[in-house]
N, C-alpha and C. Protein backbone atom coordinates (compact mmCIF):
# COMPACT_ATOMS: atom_id res chain seq x y z
N MET A 1 -19.02 -28.62 -52.54
CA MET A 1 -18.49 -27.45 -51.86
C MET A 1 -17.83 -27.86 -50.56
N ILE A 2 -18.44 -28.75 -49.83
CA ILE A 2 -17.90 -29.13 -48.52
C ILE A 2 -16.59 -29.89 -48.67
N GLU A 3 -16.51 -30.80 -49.62
CA GLU A 3 -15.30 -31.60 -49.78
C GLU A 3 -14.15 -30.84 -50.39
N ASN A 4 -14.44 -29.92 -51.33
CA ASN A 4 -13.37 -29.19 -51.98
C ASN A 4 -13.88 -27.80 -52.39
N PRO A 5 -13.91 -26.86 -51.46
CA PRO A 5 -14.44 -25.53 -51.78
C PRO A 5 -13.69 -24.84 -52.91
N GLU A 6 -12.41 -25.12 -53.05
CA GLU A 6 -11.62 -24.45 -54.10
C GLU A 6 -12.08 -24.85 -55.50
N GLU A 7 -12.65 -26.03 -55.64
CA GLU A 7 -13.11 -26.51 -56.95
C GLU A 7 -14.62 -26.35 -57.11
N SER A 8 -15.25 -25.69 -56.17
CA SER A 8 -16.71 -25.53 -56.21
C SER A 8 -17.11 -24.32 -57.05
N ALA A 9 -18.41 -24.12 -57.15
CA ALA A 9 -18.95 -22.98 -57.90
C ALA A 9 -19.01 -21.70 -57.06
N LEU A 10 -18.43 -21.73 -55.87
CA LEU A 10 -18.40 -20.51 -55.05
C LEU A 10 -17.66 -19.41 -55.79
N SER A 11 -18.04 -18.18 -55.50
CA SER A 11 -17.33 -17.04 -56.09
C SER A 11 -15.93 -16.92 -55.47
N PRO A 12 -15.02 -16.22 -56.13
CA PRO A 12 -13.69 -16.01 -55.53
C PRO A 12 -13.78 -15.36 -54.14
N ALA A 13 -14.70 -14.43 -53.94
CA ALA A 13 -14.86 -13.78 -52.64
C ALA A 13 -15.31 -14.79 -51.59
N GLU A 14 -16.25 -15.66 -51.95
CA GLU A 14 -16.72 -16.67 -51.00
C GLU A 14 -15.60 -17.65 -50.66
N LYS A 15 -14.81 -18.04 -51.65
CA LYS A 15 -13.69 -18.94 -51.39
C LYS A 15 -12.69 -18.30 -50.44
N ALA A 16 -12.43 -17.01 -50.63
CA ALA A 16 -11.51 -16.30 -49.74
C ALA A 16 -12.05 -16.29 -48.31
N LEU A 17 -13.34 -16.06 -48.16
CA LEU A 17 -13.95 -16.05 -46.83
C LEU A 17 -13.84 -17.42 -46.18
N PHE A 18 -14.15 -18.48 -46.93
CA PHE A 18 -14.08 -19.82 -46.35
C PHE A 18 -12.65 -20.23 -46.03
N ARG A 19 -11.67 -19.80 -46.83
CA ARG A 19 -10.27 -20.06 -46.48
C ARG A 19 -9.92 -19.38 -45.16
N PHE A 20 -10.35 -18.14 -45.02
CA PHE A 20 -10.09 -17.39 -43.78
C PHE A 20 -10.74 -18.11 -42.58
N LEU A 21 -11.99 -18.51 -42.74
CA LEU A 21 -12.69 -19.16 -41.63
C LEU A 21 -12.08 -20.51 -41.29
N ALA A 22 -11.64 -21.26 -42.29
CA ALA A 22 -10.98 -22.54 -42.01
C ALA A 22 -9.71 -22.31 -41.20
N ARG A 23 -8.96 -21.30 -41.57
CA ARG A 23 -7.73 -20.98 -40.83
C ARG A 23 -8.05 -20.46 -39.43
N LEU A 24 -9.04 -19.59 -39.33
CA LEU A 24 -9.44 -19.07 -38.02
C LEU A 24 -9.89 -20.21 -37.10
N ASN A 25 -10.55 -21.18 -37.67
CA ASN A 25 -11.02 -22.33 -36.90
C ASN A 25 -9.87 -23.23 -36.47
N ALA A 26 -8.97 -23.53 -37.39
CA ALA A 26 -7.91 -24.50 -37.11
C ALA A 26 -6.68 -23.89 -36.45
N GLU A 27 -6.32 -22.66 -36.83
CA GLU A 27 -5.10 -22.03 -36.34
C GLU A 27 -5.35 -20.55 -36.03
N PRO A 28 -6.20 -20.27 -35.05
CA PRO A 28 -6.58 -18.88 -34.79
C PRO A 28 -5.39 -17.96 -34.51
N HIS A 29 -4.34 -18.51 -33.93
CA HIS A 29 -3.17 -17.71 -33.59
C HIS A 29 -2.41 -17.22 -34.83
N THR A 30 -2.73 -17.76 -36.00
CA THR A 30 -2.02 -17.35 -37.21
C THR A 30 -2.76 -16.25 -37.98
N THR A 31 -3.95 -15.89 -37.55
CA THR A 31 -4.69 -14.86 -38.27
C THR A 31 -4.26 -13.48 -37.78
N ALA A 32 -4.34 -12.51 -38.69
CA ALA A 32 -3.87 -11.15 -38.37
C ALA A 32 -4.72 -10.13 -39.13
N ALA A 33 -4.44 -8.88 -38.86
CA ALA A 33 -5.17 -7.79 -39.52
C ALA A 33 -5.07 -7.87 -41.03
N ALA A 34 -3.96 -8.38 -41.53
CA ALA A 34 -3.79 -8.51 -42.98
C ALA A 34 -4.84 -9.45 -43.58
N ASP A 35 -5.30 -10.43 -42.81
CA ASP A 35 -6.32 -11.33 -43.31
C ASP A 35 -7.64 -10.60 -43.53
N ALA A 36 -8.01 -9.74 -42.60
CA ALA A 36 -9.22 -8.94 -42.76
C ALA A 36 -9.06 -7.97 -43.93
N ALA A 37 -7.88 -7.43 -44.09
CA ALA A 37 -7.64 -6.52 -45.20
C ALA A 37 -7.81 -7.24 -46.53
N ALA A 38 -7.34 -8.47 -46.62
CA ALA A 38 -7.49 -9.25 -47.85
C ALA A 38 -8.97 -9.53 -48.13
N LEU A 39 -9.74 -9.78 -47.08
CA LEU A 39 -11.18 -10.00 -47.27
C LEU A 39 -11.87 -8.73 -47.75
N ARG A 40 -11.44 -7.59 -47.22
CA ARG A 40 -12.01 -6.31 -47.69
C ARG A 40 -11.70 -6.13 -49.17
N GLU A 41 -10.48 -6.46 -49.56
CA GLU A 41 -10.10 -6.36 -50.98
C GLU A 41 -10.94 -7.29 -51.85
N ALA A 42 -11.38 -8.41 -51.27
CA ALA A 42 -12.22 -9.36 -52.00
C ALA A 42 -13.68 -8.91 -52.06
N GLY A 43 -14.00 -7.81 -51.33
CA GLY A 43 -15.34 -7.26 -51.41
C GLY A 43 -16.18 -7.38 -50.15
N TRP A 44 -15.63 -7.97 -49.11
CA TRP A 44 -16.38 -8.12 -47.86
C TRP A 44 -16.29 -6.85 -47.03
N THR A 45 -17.38 -6.51 -46.35
CA THR A 45 -17.39 -5.34 -45.47
C THR A 45 -16.90 -5.74 -44.08
N ASP A 46 -16.53 -4.75 -43.29
CA ASP A 46 -16.13 -5.03 -41.91
C ASP A 46 -17.24 -5.75 -41.15
N GLU A 47 -18.48 -5.33 -41.38
CA GLU A 47 -19.60 -5.97 -40.69
C GLU A 47 -19.73 -7.43 -41.09
N GLN A 48 -19.58 -7.75 -42.35
CA GLN A 48 -19.67 -9.14 -42.80
C GLN A 48 -18.53 -9.98 -42.24
N ILE A 49 -17.34 -9.42 -42.21
CA ILE A 49 -16.19 -10.13 -41.64
C ILE A 49 -16.42 -10.37 -40.15
N TYR A 50 -16.91 -9.36 -39.47
CA TYR A 50 -17.21 -9.47 -38.04
C TYR A 50 -18.19 -10.60 -37.77
N TYR A 51 -19.29 -10.63 -38.52
CA TYR A 51 -20.30 -11.66 -38.29
C TYR A 51 -19.78 -13.05 -38.65
N ALA A 52 -19.01 -13.19 -39.72
CA ALA A 52 -18.46 -14.49 -40.09
C ALA A 52 -17.52 -15.00 -39.00
N ALA A 53 -16.64 -14.13 -38.51
CA ALA A 53 -15.71 -14.52 -37.45
C ALA A 53 -16.45 -14.83 -36.16
N THR A 54 -17.51 -14.09 -35.88
CA THR A 54 -18.30 -14.33 -34.67
C THR A 54 -18.99 -15.68 -34.72
N VAL A 55 -19.57 -16.02 -35.85
CA VAL A 55 -20.23 -17.33 -35.99
C VAL A 55 -19.20 -18.44 -35.81
N CYS A 56 -18.03 -18.29 -36.43
CA CYS A 56 -16.96 -19.28 -36.28
C CYS A 56 -16.58 -19.43 -34.80
N ALA A 57 -16.39 -18.32 -34.12
CA ALA A 57 -16.00 -18.35 -32.71
C ALA A 57 -17.08 -18.97 -31.84
N LEU A 58 -18.33 -18.63 -32.11
CA LEU A 58 -19.43 -19.18 -31.30
C LEU A 58 -19.55 -20.69 -31.47
N PHE A 59 -19.40 -21.18 -32.69
CA PHE A 59 -19.47 -22.62 -32.88
C PHE A 59 -18.33 -23.31 -32.16
N ASN A 60 -17.14 -22.72 -32.16
CA ASN A 60 -16.03 -23.29 -31.40
C ASN A 60 -16.35 -23.29 -29.91
N PHE A 61 -16.91 -22.19 -29.42
CA PHE A 61 -17.29 -22.12 -28.01
C PHE A 61 -18.31 -23.20 -27.67
N TYR A 62 -19.37 -23.30 -28.48
CA TYR A 62 -20.43 -24.28 -28.19
C TYR A 62 -19.88 -25.70 -28.22
N ASN A 63 -19.03 -26.01 -29.20
CA ASN A 63 -18.48 -27.36 -29.27
C ASN A 63 -17.63 -27.67 -28.05
N ARG A 64 -16.82 -26.73 -27.61
CA ARG A 64 -15.99 -26.96 -26.44
C ARG A 64 -16.84 -27.04 -25.17
N TRP A 65 -17.88 -26.23 -25.09
CA TRP A 65 -18.78 -26.27 -23.94
C TRP A 65 -19.49 -27.61 -23.87
N VAL A 66 -20.01 -28.07 -24.99
CA VAL A 66 -20.70 -29.36 -25.03
C VAL A 66 -19.73 -30.48 -24.65
N ASP A 67 -18.54 -30.48 -25.24
CA ASP A 67 -17.55 -31.51 -24.92
C ASP A 67 -17.15 -31.48 -23.45
N GLY A 68 -17.00 -30.28 -22.90
CA GLY A 68 -16.52 -30.14 -21.53
C GLY A 68 -17.56 -30.40 -20.46
N THR A 69 -18.83 -30.30 -20.81
CA THR A 69 -19.88 -30.47 -19.80
C THR A 69 -20.62 -31.80 -19.90
N GLY A 70 -20.30 -32.58 -20.92
CA GLY A 70 -20.94 -33.88 -21.05
C GLY A 70 -22.35 -33.83 -21.61
N VAL A 71 -22.72 -32.73 -22.25
CA VAL A 71 -24.04 -32.65 -22.87
C VAL A 71 -24.11 -33.70 -23.97
N HIS A 72 -25.22 -34.41 -24.03
CA HIS A 72 -25.38 -35.46 -25.03
C HIS A 72 -25.58 -34.86 -26.42
N ALA A 73 -24.92 -35.45 -27.38
CA ALA A 73 -25.05 -35.00 -28.76
C ALA A 73 -26.45 -35.30 -29.30
N MET A 74 -26.91 -34.43 -30.20
CA MET A 74 -28.18 -34.68 -30.87
C MET A 74 -28.00 -35.83 -31.86
N SER A 75 -29.06 -36.55 -32.10
CA SER A 75 -29.01 -37.63 -33.09
C SER A 75 -28.95 -37.04 -34.49
N GLY A 76 -28.56 -37.85 -35.45
CA GLY A 76 -28.56 -37.42 -36.84
C GLY A 76 -29.94 -36.97 -37.27
N HIS A 77 -30.96 -37.70 -36.84
CA HIS A 77 -32.34 -37.33 -37.17
C HIS A 77 -32.69 -35.96 -36.60
N ALA A 78 -32.31 -35.71 -35.36
CA ALA A 78 -32.61 -34.41 -34.74
C ALA A 78 -31.89 -33.28 -35.47
N HIS A 79 -30.66 -33.51 -35.91
CA HIS A 79 -29.93 -32.50 -36.67
C HIS A 79 -30.64 -32.20 -38.00
N ARG A 80 -31.08 -33.26 -38.68
CA ARG A 80 -31.77 -33.05 -39.96
C ARG A 80 -33.07 -32.27 -39.76
N GLU A 81 -33.82 -32.59 -38.72
CA GLU A 81 -35.07 -31.87 -38.44
C GLU A 81 -34.79 -30.41 -38.10
N ALA A 82 -33.76 -30.16 -37.31
CA ALA A 82 -33.40 -28.78 -36.96
C ALA A 82 -32.99 -28.03 -38.22
N GLY A 83 -32.27 -28.68 -39.11
CA GLY A 83 -31.89 -28.06 -40.37
C GLY A 83 -33.09 -27.71 -41.22
N ARG A 84 -34.07 -28.60 -41.27
CA ARG A 84 -35.30 -28.32 -42.03
C ARG A 84 -36.04 -27.13 -41.43
N ARG A 85 -36.12 -27.09 -40.11
CA ARG A 85 -36.79 -25.95 -39.45
C ARG A 85 -36.08 -24.65 -39.75
N SER A 86 -34.75 -24.67 -39.65
CA SER A 86 -33.98 -23.45 -39.92
C SER A 86 -34.13 -23.01 -41.37
N ALA A 87 -34.13 -23.98 -42.29
CA ALA A 87 -34.29 -23.65 -43.71
C ALA A 87 -35.66 -23.04 -43.97
N ALA A 88 -36.67 -23.53 -43.29
CA ALA A 88 -38.04 -23.05 -43.51
C ALA A 88 -38.35 -21.77 -42.77
N HIS A 89 -37.77 -21.60 -41.57
CA HIS A 89 -38.16 -20.48 -40.71
C HIS A 89 -37.01 -19.56 -40.31
N GLY A 90 -35.77 -19.88 -40.68
CA GLY A 90 -34.63 -19.08 -40.26
C GLY A 90 -34.15 -19.49 -38.88
N TYR A 91 -33.07 -18.87 -38.44
CA TYR A 91 -32.49 -19.19 -37.15
C TYR A 91 -33.19 -18.49 -35.99
N VAL A 92 -33.79 -17.35 -36.25
CA VAL A 92 -34.39 -16.56 -35.18
C VAL A 92 -35.84 -17.02 -34.99
N ARG A 93 -36.16 -17.34 -33.79
CA ARG A 93 -37.53 -17.74 -33.46
C ARG A 93 -38.26 -16.53 -32.89
N LYS A 94 -39.45 -16.29 -33.36
CA LYS A 94 -40.22 -15.14 -32.90
C LYS A 94 -41.31 -15.55 -31.95
């Protein structure tokens, strides 16, 4: 899925969402209301589109903040452990 989402087992709606997010990430100035309309036609709700775009924007913000402030990157091991925790417990900590 990561290397070639178009040839993956993702649904057509999921592929449309990932195409939109890839474009929003790489060329945000090229996205328009028509893109959201196409996602709605693919079955996504406004709320789902909002959250997907928000996550994309936040990751861009965090990456630029980390790069701009000199915060040290996590090790590969730390990323894997964080992924395991998120998979087991979700993103929200109570």
